[in-house]
């Protein structure tokens, strides 16, 4: 069987879809292992994989290279404005190349299956945020794109979700039969968060290195993630102010990790404004982007991981924090 994979997000580890694709490919490659025959000898390979890329890959130091058994094919999008080029690539280039490559199955690991599907197609829908949350619906063009990918998902042979909650949303709001929607849960990034590495990250020497790198306090509550409005980071800051006002230990600081908003807007509220208003300058540390290999140490050394997001398809950070041994505080919204 020849399986073609849409690789638009390859080399983009700062996105959720990029992380998903980078973790998915090694497991797909493992399916390429030759099965053993009845006499104990290796049989023939049963799967062939092609990763279809819009550009030549730039390998991140923190992520593995494209697994060797996978073949890569580069088909750049046309010279159009970026979003139109992405749309053309998803809806025209990908299905054309899949047909030309003789694909038996097309895998699209994010919500952008082509409307014309030359082979049975499996699409992963991580969440329905652009459909369900008003601040994320965007302008007219974004709403039309959401309608397009909603329609194309209904034509897919299989729809993969990352949680039972996302599966319920997909069945309900996209009107896709439940028997074609499969919840396949995320696992922790085991190459960083296995037992041995977590134990090492808890060691004093390792944490001393990380603490110096990010100028960490000795004890801290920890947030890692985006700063768009649904993440509810302002709620974290307000809750921390209340914690202190009610007699909480001021030696436990609040550490916010992630790339801060370039501008303070209703969609990307900058928590530093609220930190200033609530006079928390000495209590809150904003440490910026965190390297992938440092996450386990930051989680495991925290007093607790705070993640009161108002909506998630899965919430990978919660799983990573718990895998690293950190207590996790979240929201039921």
C-alpha atoms as a PDB file:
ATOM      1  CA  UNK A   1       0.000   0.000   0.000  1.00  0.00           C
ATOM      2  CA  UNK A   2       1.323   3.431  -0.968  1.00  0.00           C
ATOM      3  CA  UNK A   3       0.406   6.098   1.607  1.00  0.00           C
ATOM      4  CA  UNK A   4       0.933   9.782   0.838  1.00  0.00           C
ATOM      5  CA  UNK A   5       1.083  12.251   3.745  1.00  0.00           C
ATOM      6  CA  UNK A   6       0.419  15.991   3.537  1.00  0.00           C
ATOM      7  CA  UNK A   7       3.561  17.503   5.088  1.00  0.00           C
ATOM      8  CA  UNK A   8       2.689  21.219   5.129  1.00  0.00           C
ATOM      9  CA  UNK A   9       3.603  21.551   8.819  1.00  0.00           C
ATOM     10  CA  UNK A  10       6.875  19.621   8.641  1.00  0.00           C
ATOM     11  CA  UNK A  11       9.671  21.743  10.128  1.00  0.00           C
ATOM     12  CA  UNK A  12       7.237  23.906  12.137  1.00  0.00           C
ATOM     13  CA  UNK A  13       7.666  22.627  15.716  1.00  0.00           C
ATOM     14  CA  UNK A  14       6.252  25.841  17.170  1.00  0.00           C
ATOM     15  CA  UNK A  15       2.767  24.836  16.006  1.00  0.00           C
ATOM     16  CA  UNK A  16       0.522  22.110  17.392  1.00  0.00           C
ATOM     17  CA  UNK A  17       0.031  20.613  13.925  1.00  0.00           C
ATOM     18  CA  UNK A  18       3.804  20.617  13.441  1.00  0.00           C
ATOM     19  CA  UNK A  19       4.377  18.789  16.708  1.00  0.00           C
ATOM     20  CA  UNK A  20       1.689  16.253  15.771  1.00  0.00           C
ATOM     21  CA  UNK A  21       3.236  15.564  12.356  1.00  0.00           C
ATOM     22  CA  UNK A  22       6.767  15.209  13.757  1.00  0.00           C
ATOM     23  CA  UNK A  23       5.574  12.706  16.370  1.00  0.00           C
ATOM     24  CA  UNK A  24       3.313  10.832  13.952  1.00  0.00           C
ATOM     25  CA  UNK A  25       5.835  10.066  11.211  1.00  0.00           C
ATOM     26  CA  UNK A  26       8.157   7.778  13.229  1.00  0.00           C
ATOM     27  CA  UNK A  27       5.142   5.640  14.142  1.00  0.00           C
ATOM     28  CA  UNK A  28       4.046   5.482  10.518  1.00  0.00           C
ATOM     29  CA  UNK A  29       7.580   4.541   9.540  1.00  0.00           C
ATOM     30  CA  UNK A  30       7.463   1.685  12.068  1.00  0.00           C
ATOM     31  CA  UNK A  31       4.577   0.197  10.071  1.00  0.00           C
ATOM     32  CA  UNK A  32       7.063  -0.214   7.243  1.00  0.00           C
ATOM     33  CA  UNK A  33       9.007  -2.877   9.162  1.00  0.00           C
ATOM     34  CA  UNK A  34       8.958  -6.166   7.263  1.00  0.00           C
ATOM     35  CA  UNK A  35       6.687  -8.700   8.965  1.00  0.00           C
ATOM     36  CA  UNK A  36       8.055 -12.094   9.926  1.00  0.00           C
ATOM     37  CA  UNK A  37       6.873 -15.074   7.905  1.00  0.00           C
ATOM     38  CA  UNK A  38       5.766 -18.373   9.410  1.00  0.00           C
ATOM     39  CA  UNK A  39       9.278 -19.808   9.107  1.00  0.00           C
ATOM     40  CA  UNK A  40      10.759 -16.862  11.025  1.00  0.00           C
ATOM     41  CA  UNK A  41      12.222 -15.150   7.975  1.00  0.00           C
ATOM     42  CA  UNK A  42      11.408 -11.570   7.067  1.00  0.00           C
ATOM     43  CA  UNK A  43       8.688 -11.053   4.499  1.00  0.00           C
ATOM     44  CA  UNK A  44       8.211  -8.165   2.109  1.00  0.00           C
ATOM     45  CA  UNK A  45       7.425  -4.610   3.227  1.00  0.00           C
ATOM     46  CA  UNK A  46       3.687  -4.006   3.235  1.00  0.00           C
ATOM     47  CA  UNK A  47       3.603  -0.193   3.190  1.00  0.00           C
ATOM     48  CA  UNK A  48       5.321   2.579   1.294  1.00  0.00           C
ATOM     49  CA  UNK A  49       5.152   6.175   2.526  1.00  0.00           C
ATOM     50  CA  UNK A  50       5.685   9.461   0.739  1.00  0.00           C
ATOM     51  CA  UNK A  51       5.802  12.762   2.610  1.00  0.00           C
ATOM     52  CA  UNK A  52       4.618  15.539   0.317  1.00  0.00           C
ATOM     53  CA  UNK A  53       6.324  18.836   1.196  1.00  0.00           C
ATOM     54  CA  UNK A  54       5.683  22.413   0.028  1.00  0.00           C
ATOM     55  CA  UNK A  55       9.323  23.360   0.550  1.00  0.00           C
ATOM     56  CA  UNK A  56      12.684  21.742   1.201  1.00  0.00           C
ATOM     57  CA  UNK A  57      12.751  20.823   4.899  1.00  0.00           C
ATOM     58  CA  UNK A  58      14.764  22.872   7.377  1.00  0.00           C
ATOM     59  CA  UNK A  59      15.509  20.489  10.201  1.00  0.00           C
ATOM     60  CA  UNK A  60      15.017  21.712  13.755  1.00  0.00           C
ATOM     61  CA  UNK A  61      17.755  20.664  16.165  1.00  0.00           C
ATOM     62  CA  UNK A  62      15.141  19.605  18.710  1.00  0.00           C
ATOM     63  CA  UNK A  63      13.268  17.266  16.354  1.00  0.00           C
ATOM     64  CA  UNK A  64      14.256  14.099  14.538  1.00  0.00           C
ATOM     65  CA  UNK A  65      14.891  14.084  10.775  1.00  0.00           C
ATOM     66  CA  UNK A  66      12.359  12.606   8.378  1.00  0.00           C
ATOM     67  CA  UNK A  67      12.410   8.860   9.178  1.00  0.00           C
ATOM     68  CA  UNK A  68      14.577   7.054   6.655  1.00  0.00           C
ATOM     69  CA  UNK A  69      11.944   4.692   5.194  1.00  0.00           C
ATOM     70  CA  UNK A  70       9.811   7.672   4.120  1.00  0.00           C
ATOM     71  CA  UNK A  71      10.343   9.223   0.710  1.00  0.00           C
ATOM     72  CA  UNK A  72       9.997  13.000   0.447  1.00  0.00           C
ATOM     73  CA  UNK A  73       8.615  14.808  -2.592  1.00  0.00           C
ATOM     74  CA  UNK A  74       8.803  18.616  -2.758  1.00  0.00           C
ATOM     75  CA  UNK A  75       6.049  20.428  -4.689  1.00  0.00           C
ATOM     76  CA  UNK A  76       6.180  24.171  -3.966  1.00  0.00           C
ATOM     77  CA  UNK A  77       2.919  26.124  -3.995  1.00  0.00           C
ATOM     78  CA  UNK A  78       2.456  28.758  -6.732  1.00  0.00           C
ATOM     79  CA  UNK A  79       3.649  32.322  -6.230  1.00  0.00           C
ATOM     80  CA  UNK A  80       0.566  33.672  -4.525  1.00  0.00           C
ATOM     81  CA  UNK A  81      -0.049  35.462  -1.224  1.00  0.00           C
ATOM     82  CA  UNK A  82       0.792  32.945   1.494  1.00  0.00           C
ATOM     83  CA  UNK A  83      -2.743  31.974   2.510  1.00  0.00           C
ATOM     84  CA  UNK A  84      -3.918  31.644  -1.095  1.00  0.00           C
ATOM     85  CA  UNK A  85      -0.807  29.624  -1.885  1.00  0.00           C
ATOM     86  CA  UNK A  86      -1.530  27.332   1.062  1.00  0.00           C
ATOM     87  CA  UNK A  87      -5.130  26.900  -0.089  1.00  0.00           C
ATOM     88  CA  UNK A  88      -4.042  26.062  -3.650  1.00  0.00           C
ATOM     89  CA  UNK A  89      -1.458  23.599  -2.358  1.00  0.00           C
ATOM     90  CA  UNK A  90      -4.004  21.827  -0.115  1.00  0.00           C
ATOM     91  CA  UNK A  91      -6.832  21.713  -2.645  1.00  0.00           C
ATOM     92  CA  UNK A  92      -4.989  21.308  -5.962  1.00  0.00           C
ATOM     93  CA  UNK A  93      -1.329  20.327  -5.535  1.00  0.00           C
ATOM     94  CA  UNK A  94      -1.822  17.652  -2.868  1.00  0.00           C
ATOM     95  CA  UNK A  95      -4.589  15.658  -4.612  1.00  0.00           C
ATOM     96  CA  UNK A  96      -2.861  15.977  -8.004  1.00  0.00           C
ATOM     97  CA  UNK A  97       0.439  14.736  -6.644  1.00  0.00           C
ATOM     98  CA  UNK A  98      -1.304  11.969  -4.679  1.00  0.00           C
ATOM     99  CA  UNK A  99      -2.930  10.751  -7.886  1.00  0.00           C
ATOM    100  CA  UNK A 100       0.321  11.061  -9.833  1.00  0.00           C
ATOM    101  CA  UNK A 101       2.168   9.080  -7.166  1.00  0.00           C
ATOM    102  CA  UNK A 102      -0.431   6.332  -7.262  1.00  0.00           C
ATOM    103  CA  UNK A 103      -1.546   6.804  -3.665  1.00  0.00           C
ATOM    104  CA  UNK A 104      -3.725   4.126  -2.134  1.00  0.00           C
ATOM    105  CA  UNK A 105      -4.374   6.339   0.896  1.00  0.00           C
ATOM    106  CA  UNK A 106      -3.950  10.072   1.533  1.00  0.00           C
ATOM    107  CA  UNK A 107      -3.329  11.233   5.112  1.00  0.00           C
ATOM    108  CA  UNK A 108      -3.932  14.888   5.982  1.00  0.00           C
ATOM    109  CA  UNK A 109      -2.752  15.412   9.586  1.00  0.00           C
ATOM    110  CA  UNK A 110      -4.664  18.676  10.106  1.00  0.00           C
ATOM    111  CA  UNK A 111      -8.072  20.060   9.187  1.00  0.00           C
ATOM    112  CA  UNK A 112      -7.503  20.677   5.462  1.00  0.00           C
ATOM    113  CA  UNK A 113      -8.520  17.666   3.407  1.00  0.00           C
ATOM    114  CA  UNK A 114      -8.942  18.363  -0.320  1.00  0.00           C
ATOM    115  CA  UNK A 115     -12.445  18.560  -1.711  1.00  0.00           C
ATOM    116  CA  UNK A 116     -11.450  16.304  -4.617  1.00  0.00           C
ATOM    117  CA  UNK A 117     -10.012  13.112  -3.193  1.00  0.00           C
ATOM    118  CA  UNK A 118      -8.306  10.816  -5.731  1.00  0.00           C
ATOM    119  CA  UNK A 119      -7.784   8.146  -3.051  1.00  0.00           C
ATOM    120  CA  UNK A 120      -9.435   7.287   0.261  1.00  0.00           C
ATOM    121  CA  UNK A 121      -8.491  10.097   2.619  1.00  0.00           C
ATOM    122  CA  UNK A 122      -8.013  10.249   6.385  1.00  0.00           C
ATOM    123  CA  UNK A 123      -7.979  13.698   7.978  1.00  0.00           C
ATOM    124  CA  UNK A 124      -7.083  14.621  11.557  1.00  0.00           C
ATOM    125  CA  UNK A 125      -9.286  17.294  13.128  1.00  0.00           C
ATOM    126  CA  UNK A 126      -7.641  18.404  16.354  1.00  0.00           C
ATOM    127  CA  UNK A 127     -10.507  20.700  17.371  1.00  0.00           C
ATOM    128  CA  UNK A 128     -13.328  22.825  15.954  1.00  0.00           C
ATOM    129  CA  UNK A 129     -12.114  26.110  17.412  1.00  0.00           C
ATOM    130  CA  UNK A 130     -12.694  28.202  14.222  1.00  0.00           C
ATOM    131  CA  UNK A 131     -16.245  26.882  14.077  1.00  0.00           C
ATOM    132  CA  UNK A 132     -17.242  26.994  17.737  1.00  0.00           C
ATOM    133  CA  UNK A 133     -15.500  30.008  19.291  1.00  0.00           C
ATOM    134  CA  UNK A 134     -16.653  33.423  17.963  1.00  0.00           C
ATOM    135  CA  UNK A 135     -13.296  35.228  18.496  1.00  0.00           C
ATOM    136  CA  UNK A 136     -11.623  32.603  16.270  1.00  0.00           C
ATOM    137  CA  UNK A 137     -14.044  32.658  13.347  1.00  0.00           C
ATOM    138  CA  UNK A 138     -12.118  35.397  11.550  1.00  0.00           C
ATOM    139  CA  UNK A 139     -13.290  37.430   8.586  1.00  0.00           C
ATOM    140  CA  UNK A 140     -15.278  36.377   5.560  1.00  0.00           C
ATOM    141  CA  UNK A 141     -12.384  34.533   3.890  1.00  0.00           C
ATOM    142  CA  UNK A 142     -11.534  32.573   7.046  1.00  0.00           C
ATOM    143  CA  UNK A 143     -15.177  31.586   7.488  1.00  0.00           C
ATOM    144  CA  UNK A 144     -15.338  30.401   3.875  1.00  0.00           C
ATOM    145  CA  UNK A 145     -12.186  28.345   4.432  1.00  0.00           C
ATOM    146  CA  UNK A 146     -13.796  26.737   7.495  1.00  0.00           C
ATOM    147  CA  UNK A 147     -16.872  25.891   5.409  1.00  0.00           C
ATOM    148  CA  UNK A 148     -14.659  24.374   2.713  1.00  0.00           C
ATOM    149  CA  UNK A 149     -12.668  22.114   5.052  1.00  0.00           C
ATOM    150  CA  UNK A 150     -15.872  21.150   6.882  1.00  0.00           C
ATOM    151  CA  UNK A 151     -17.350  19.972   3.586  1.00  0.00           C
ATOM    152  CA  UNK A 152     -14.158  18.164   2.560  1.00  0.00           C
ATOM    153  CA  UNK A 153     -14.023  16.362   5.936  1.00  0.00           C
ATOM    154  CA  UNK A 154     -17.484  14.936   5.287  1.00  0.00           C
ATOM    155  CA  UNK A 155     -16.109  13.286   2.136  1.00  0.00           C
ATOM    156  CA  UNK A 156     -13.214  11.567   3.917  1.00  0.00           C
ATOM    157  CA  UNK A 157     -13.136   7.840   4.464  1.00  0.00           C
ATOM    158  CA  UNK A 158     -12.022   8.412   8.056  1.00  0.00           C
ATOM    159  CA  UNK A 159     -11.791  11.369  10.409  1.00  0.00           C
ATOM    160  CA  UNK A 160      -9.318  11.141  13.290  1.00  0.00           C
ATOM    161  CA  UNK A 161      -9.836  13.149  16.458  1.00  0.00           C
ATOM    162  CA  UNK A 162      -7.417  13.500  19.345  1.00  0.00           C
ATOM    163  CA  UNK A 163      -9.964  13.126  22.150  1.00  0.00           C
ATOM    164  CA  UNK A 164     -13.475  11.893  22.842  1.00  0.00           C
ATOM    165  CA  UNK A 165     -14.532  15.516  23.369  1.00  0.00           C
ATOM    166  CA  UNK A 166     -13.322  16.477  19.888  1.00  0.00           C
ATOM    167  CA  UNK A 167     -15.024  13.406  18.452  1.00  0.00           C
ATOM    168  CA  UNK A 168     -18.352  14.474  19.979  1.00  0.00           C
ATOM    169  CA  UNK A 169     -17.935  17.965  18.517  1.00  0.00           C
ATOM    170  CA  UNK A 170     -17.086  16.569  15.073  1.00  0.00           C
ATOM    171  CA  UNK A 171     -20.073  14.219  14.988  1.00  0.00           C
ATOM    172  CA  UNK A 172     -22.431  16.895  16.261  1.00  0.00           C
ATOM    173  CA  UNK A 173     -21.314  19.986  14.368  1.00  0.00           C
ATOM    174  CA  UNK A 174     -20.002  18.480  11.114  1.00  0.00           C
ATOM    175  CA  UNK A 175     -22.766  15.844  10.854  1.00  0.00           C
ATOM    176  CA  UNK A 176     -20.274  13.063  10.138  1.00  0.00           C
ATOM    177  CA  UNK A 177     -21.456   9.548  11.037  1.00  0.00           C
ATOM    178  CA  UNK A 178     -19.931   8.395  14.303  1.00  0.00           C
ATOM    179  CA  UNK A 179     -18.628   5.179  12.755  1.00  0.00           C
ATOM    180  CA  UNK A 180     -16.288   7.215  10.514  1.00  0.00           C
ATOM    181  CA  UNK A 181     -14.810   9.250  13.372  1.00  0.00           C
ATOM    182  CA  UNK A 182     -12.041   7.664  15.452  1.00  0.00           C
ATOM    183  CA  UNK A 183     -10.640   9.117  18.686  1.00  0.00           C
ATOM    184  CA  UNK A 184      -6.899   8.398  18.833  1.00  0.00           C
ATOM    185  CA  UNK A 185      -5.467  10.022  21.925  1.00  0.00           C
ATOM    186  CA  UNK A 186      -2.152  11.796  22.097  1.00  0.00           C
ATOM    187  CA  UNK A 187       0.652  10.287  24.127  1.00  0.00           C
ATOM    188  CA  UNK A 188       3.387  12.256  25.887  1.00  0.00           C
ATOM    189  CA  UNK A 189       6.555  13.019  23.971  1.00  0.00           C
ATOM    190  CA  UNK A 190       8.273   9.925  25.318  1.00  0.00           C
ATOM    191  CA  UNK A 191      11.685  10.784  23.880  1.00  0.00           C
ATOM    192  CA  UNK A 192      11.810  13.723  26.303  1.00  0.00           C
ATOM    193  CA  UNK A 193       9.497  12.512  29.032  1.00  0.00           C
ATOM    194  CA  UNK A 194      10.420   8.893  29.744  1.00  0.00           C
ATOM    195  CA  UNK A 195      11.168   7.833  33.301  1.00  0.00           C
ATOM    196  CA  UNK A 196      14.936   8.108  32.936  1.00  0.00           C
ATOM    197  CA  UNK A 197      14.888  11.636  31.510  1.00  0.00           C
ATOM    198  CA  UNK A 198      12.383  12.914  34.064  1.00  0.00           C
ATOM    199  CA  UNK A 199      14.513  11.538  36.883  1.00  0.00           C
ATOM    200  CA  UNK A 200      17.524  13.243  35.351  1.00  0.00           C
ATOM    201  CA  UNK A 201      15.629  16.514  34.906  1.00  0.00           C
ATOM    202  CA  UNK A 202      14.727  16.451  38.590  1.00  0.00           C
ATOM    203  CA  UNK A 203      18.354  16.247  39.583  1.00  0.00           C
ATOM    204  CA  UNK A 204      19.806  19.311  41.221  1.00  0.00           C
ATOM    205  CA  UNK A 205      22.557  19.719  38.658  1.00  0.00           C
ATOM    206  CA  UNK A 206      20.182  19.620  35.699  1.00  0.00           C
ATOM    207  CA  UNK A 207      17.745  22.040  37.245  1.00  0.00           C
ATOM    208  CA  UNK A 208      20.556  24.409  38.169  1.00  0.00           C
ATOM    209  CA  UNK A 209      21.447  24.626  34.479  1.00  0.00           C
ATOM    210  CA  UNK A 210      17.837  25.234  33.439  1.00  0.00           C
ATOM    211  CA  UNK A 211      17.271  27.731  36.255  1.00  0.00           C
ATOM    212  CA  UNK A 212      20.263  29.757  35.141  1.00  0.00           C
ATOM    213  CA  UNK A 213      19.239  29.646  31.494  1.00  0.00           C
ATOM    214  CA  UNK A 214      15.734  31.014  32.190  1.00  0.00           C
ATOM    215  CA  UNK A 215      16.488  33.002  35.380  1.00  0.00           C
ATOM    216  CA  UNK A 216      13.984  30.917  37.335  1.00  0.00           C
ATOM    217  CA  UNK A 217      12.994  31.475  40.969  1.00  0.00           C
ATOM    218  CA  UNK A 218      13.519  28.650  43.463  1.00  0.00           C
ATOM    219  CA  UNK A 219       9.790  27.843  43.647  1.00  0.00           C
ATOM    220  CA  UNK A 220       7.134  28.713  41.112  1.00  0.00           C
ATOM    221  CA  UNK A 221       3.756  28.042  39.582  1.00  0.00           C
ATOM    222  CA  UNK A 222       4.183  27.421  35.868  1.00  0.00           C
ATOM    223  CA  UNK A 223       2.293  28.182  32.665  1.00  0.00           C
ATOM    224  CA  UNK A 224       3.471  27.168  29.190  1.00  0.00           C
ATOM    225  CA  UNK A 225       1.496  27.781  26.040  1.00  0.00           C
ATOM    226  CA  UNK A 226      -0.040  30.424  23.813  1.00  0.00           C
ATOM    227  CA  UNK A 227      -1.497  33.765  24.833  1.00  0.00           C
ATOM    228  CA  UNK A 228      -4.627  33.910  22.708  1.00  0.00           C
ATOM    229  CA  UNK A 229      -7.779  34.690  24.637  1.00  0.00           C
ATOM    230  CA  UNK A 230      -9.076  31.140  25.118  1.00  0.00           C
ATOM    231  CA  UNK A 231      -5.907  30.192  27.022  1.00  0.00           C
ATOM    232  CA  UNK A 232      -7.175  32.390  29.877  1.00  0.00           C
ATOM    233  CA  UNK A 233      -3.716  33.581  30.947  1.00  0.00           C
ATOM    234  CA  UNK A 234      -5.238  36.753  32.409  1.00  0.00           C
ATOM    235  CA  UNK A 235      -7.291  34.449  34.625  1.00  0.00           C
ATOM    236  CA  UNK A 236      -4.047  32.880  35.868  1.00  0.00           C
ATOM    237  CA  UNK A 237      -2.649  36.301  36.777  1.00  0.00           C
ATOM    238  CA  UNK A 238      -5.856  37.321  38.579  1.00  0.00           C
ATOM    239  CA  UNK A 239      -5.976  33.999  40.442  1.00  0.00           C
ATOM    240  CA  UNK A 240      -2.356  34.417  41.511  1.00  0.00           C
ATOM    241  CA  UNK A 241      -3.102  37.916  42.822  1.00  0.00           C
ATOM    242  CA  UNK A 242      -6.002  36.489  44.827  1.00  0.00           C
ATOM    243  CA  UNK A 243      -3.760  33.668  46.088  1.00  0.00           C
ATOM    244  CA  UNK A 244      -1.354  36.245  47.510  1.00  0.00           C
ATOM    245  CA  UNK A 245      -4.151  38.418  48.934  1.00  0.00           C
ATOM    246  CA  UNK A 246      -5.540  35.407  50.803  1.00  0.00           C
ATOM    247  CA  UNK A 247      -2.197  34.714  52.471  1.00  0.00           C
ATOM    248  CA  UNK A 248      -0.467  32.520  49.881  1.00  0.00           C
ATOM    249  CA  UNK A 249       3.278  32.039  50.139  1.00  0.00           C
ATOM    250  CA  UNK A 250       4.918  34.950  48.242  1.00  0.00           C
ATOM    251  CA  UNK A 251       8.127  32.944  47.813  1.00  0.00           C
ATOM    252  CA  UNK A 252       6.262  30.888  45.197  1.00  0.00           C
ATOM    253  CA  UNK A 253       6.471  33.036  42.076  1.00  0.00           C
ATOM    254  CA  UNK A 254       4.479  32.780  38.855  1.00  0.00           C
ATOM    255  CA  UNK A 255       6.407  31.856  35.694  1.00  0.00           C
ATOM    256  CA  UNK A 256       4.776  32.407  32.291  1.00  0.00           C
ATOM    257  CA  UNK A 257       6.502  30.686  29.362  1.00  0.00           C
ATOM    258  CA  UNK A 258       5.834  31.193  25.680  1.00  0.00           C
ATOM    259  CA  UNK A 259       6.221  33.913  23.075  1.00  0.00           C
ATOM    260  CA  UNK A 260       4.514  37.047  24.323  1.00  0.00           C
ATOM    261  CA  UNK A 261       2.017  38.895  22.092  1.00  0.00           C
ATOM    262  CA  UNK A 262       3.565  41.512  19.851  1.00  0.00           C
ATOM    263  CA  UNK A 263       0.641  43.815  20.617  1.00  0.00           C
ATOM    264  CA  UNK A 264      -1.882  43.910  23.453  1.00  0.00           C
ATOM    265  CA  UNK A 265      -5.234  43.152  21.772  1.00  0.00           C
ATOM    266  CA  UNK A 266      -8.543  41.567  22.846  1.00  0.00           C
ATOM    267  CA  UNK A 267      -7.565  38.418  20.919  1.00  0.00           C
ATOM    268  CA  UNK A 268      -3.966  38.360  22.221  1.00  0.00           C
ATOM    269  CA  UNK A 269      -4.152  40.050  25.632  1.00  0.00           C
ATOM    270  CA  UNK A 270      -0.680  40.785  26.978  1.00  0.00           C
ATOM    271  CA  UNK A 271      -0.524  39.534  30.599  1.00  0.00           C
ATOM    272  CA  UNK A 272       2.235  42.015  31.402  1.00  0.00           C
ATOM    273  CA  UNK A 273      -0.324  44.829  31.365  1.00  0.00           C
ATOM    274  CA  UNK A 274      -2.374  43.104  34.051  1.00  0.00           C
ATOM    275  CA  UNK A 275       0.766  42.196  35.979  1.00  0.00           C
ATOM    276  CA  UNK A 276       1.550  45.911  36.134  1.00  0.00           C
ATOM    277  CA  UNK A 277      -1.988  46.875  37.125  1.00  0.00           C
ATOM    278  CA  UNK A 278      -2.051  44.321  39.948  1.00  0.00           C
ATOM    279  CA  UNK A 279       1.432  45.342  41.143  1.00  0.00           C
ATOM    280  CA  UNK A 280       2.949  41.909  40.606  1.00  0.00           C
ATOM    281  CA  UNK A 281       6.224  43.010  38.994  1.00  0.00           C
ATOM    282  CA  UNK A 282       8.355  41.241  41.595  1.00  0.00           C
ATOM    283  CA  UNK A 283       6.248  38.072  41.605  1.00  0.00           C
ATOM    284  CA  UNK A 284       5.747  37.224  37.927  1.00  0.00           C
ATOM    285  CA  UNK A 285       8.497  36.144  35.500  1.00  0.00           C
ATOM    286  CA  UNK A 286       7.944  35.979  31.735  1.00  0.00           C
ATOM    287  CA  UNK A 287      10.661  33.721  30.317  1.00  0.00           C
ATOM    288  CA  UNK A 288       9.688  33.611  26.632  1.00  0.00           C
ATOM    289  CA  UNK A 289      10.127  30.672  24.250  1.00  0.00           C
ATOM    290  CA  UNK A 290      11.140  27.367  25.841  1.00  0.00           C
ATOM    291  CA  UNK A 291      13.305  24.832  24.033  1.00  0.00           C
ATOM    292  CA  UNK A 292      11.738  21.407  23.602  1.00  0.00           C
ATOM    293  CA  UNK A 293      14.498  19.641  25.513  1.00  0.00           C
ATOM    294  CA  UNK A 294      13.997  21.945  28.538  1.00  0.00           C
ATOM    295  CA  UNK A 295      10.286  21.362  29.023  1.00  0.00           C
ATOM    296  CA  UNK A 296      10.504  18.285  31.259  1.00  0.00           C
ATOM    297  CA  UNK A 297      12.767  20.044  33.755  1.00  0.00           C
ATOM    298  CA  UNK A 298      10.561  23.141  33.858  1.00  0.00           C
ATOM    299  CA  UNK A 299       7.437  21.063  34.441  1.00  0.00           C
ATOM    300  CA  UNK A 300       8.910  18.739  37.030  1.00  0.00           C
ATOM    301  CA  UNK A 301      10.513  21.501  39.116  1.00  0.00           C
ATOM    302  CA  UNK A 302       7.303  23.557  39.371  1.00  0.00           C
ATOM    303  CA  UNK A 303       5.025  23.611  42.403  1.00  0.00           C
ATOM    304  CA  UNK A 304       2.115  23.152  39.977  1.00  0.00           C
ATOM    305  CA  UNK A 305       1.346  23.566  36.310  1.00  0.00           C
ATOM    306  CA  UNK A 306      -1.531  25.997  35.599  1.00  0.00           C
ATOM    307  CA  UNK A 307      -3.601  25.522  32.453  1.00  0.00           C
ATOM    308  CA  UNK A 308      -7.176  26.901  32.816  1.00  0.00           C
ATOM    309  CA  UNK A 309      -7.854  27.024  29.052  1.00  0.00           C
ATOM    310  CA  UNK A 310     -11.482  27.593  28.103  1.00  0.00           C
ATOM    311  CA  UNK A 311     -11.372  25.146  25.182  1.00  0.00           C
ATOM    312  CA  UNK A 312      -8.905  22.525  23.966  1.00  0.00           C
ATOM    313  CA  UNK A 313      -9.100  19.705  21.495  1.00  0.00           C
ATOM    314  CA  UNK A 314      -6.778  17.787  23.782  1.00  0.00           C
ATOM    315  CA  UNK A 315      -4.476  19.952  25.924  1.00  0.00           C
ATOM    316  CA  UNK A 316      -1.041  18.413  25.309  1.00  0.00           C
ATOM    317  CA  UNK A 317       0.660  20.560  27.942  1.00  0.00           C
ATOM    318  CA  UNK A 318      -1.438  18.938  30.675  1.00  0.00           C
ATOM    319  CA  UNK A 319      -0.280  15.486  29.613  1.00  0.00           C
ATOM    320  CA  UNK A 320       3.342  16.612  29.375  1.00  0.00           C
ATOM    321  CA  UNK A 321       3.186  18.180  32.850  1.00  0.00           C
ATOM    322  CA  UNK A 322       1.673  15.090  34.450  1.00  0.00           C
ATOM    323  CA  UNK A 323       4.166  12.835  32.652  1.00  0.00           C
ATOM    324  CA  UNK A 324       6.932  14.947  34.182  1.00  0.00           C
ATOM    325  CA  UNK A 325       5.417  14.550  37.665  1.00  0.00           C
ATOM    326  CA  UNK A 326       3.970  18.048  38.054  1.00  0.00           C
ATOM    327  CA  UNK A 327       0.549  18.580  39.689  1.00  0.00           C
ATOM    328  CA  UNK A 328      -1.748  20.103  37.057  1.00  0.00           C
ATOM    329  CA  UNK A 329      -4.482  22.656  37.761  1.00  0.00           C
ATOM    330  CA  UNK A 330      -6.983  23.177  34.981  1.00  0.00           C
ATOM    331  CA  UNK A 331     -10.529  24.384  34.327  1.00  0.00           C
ATOM    332  CA  UNK A 332     -13.855  22.675  33.705  1.00  0.00           C
ATOM    333  CA  UNK A 333     -15.052  25.363  31.268  1.00  0.00           C
END
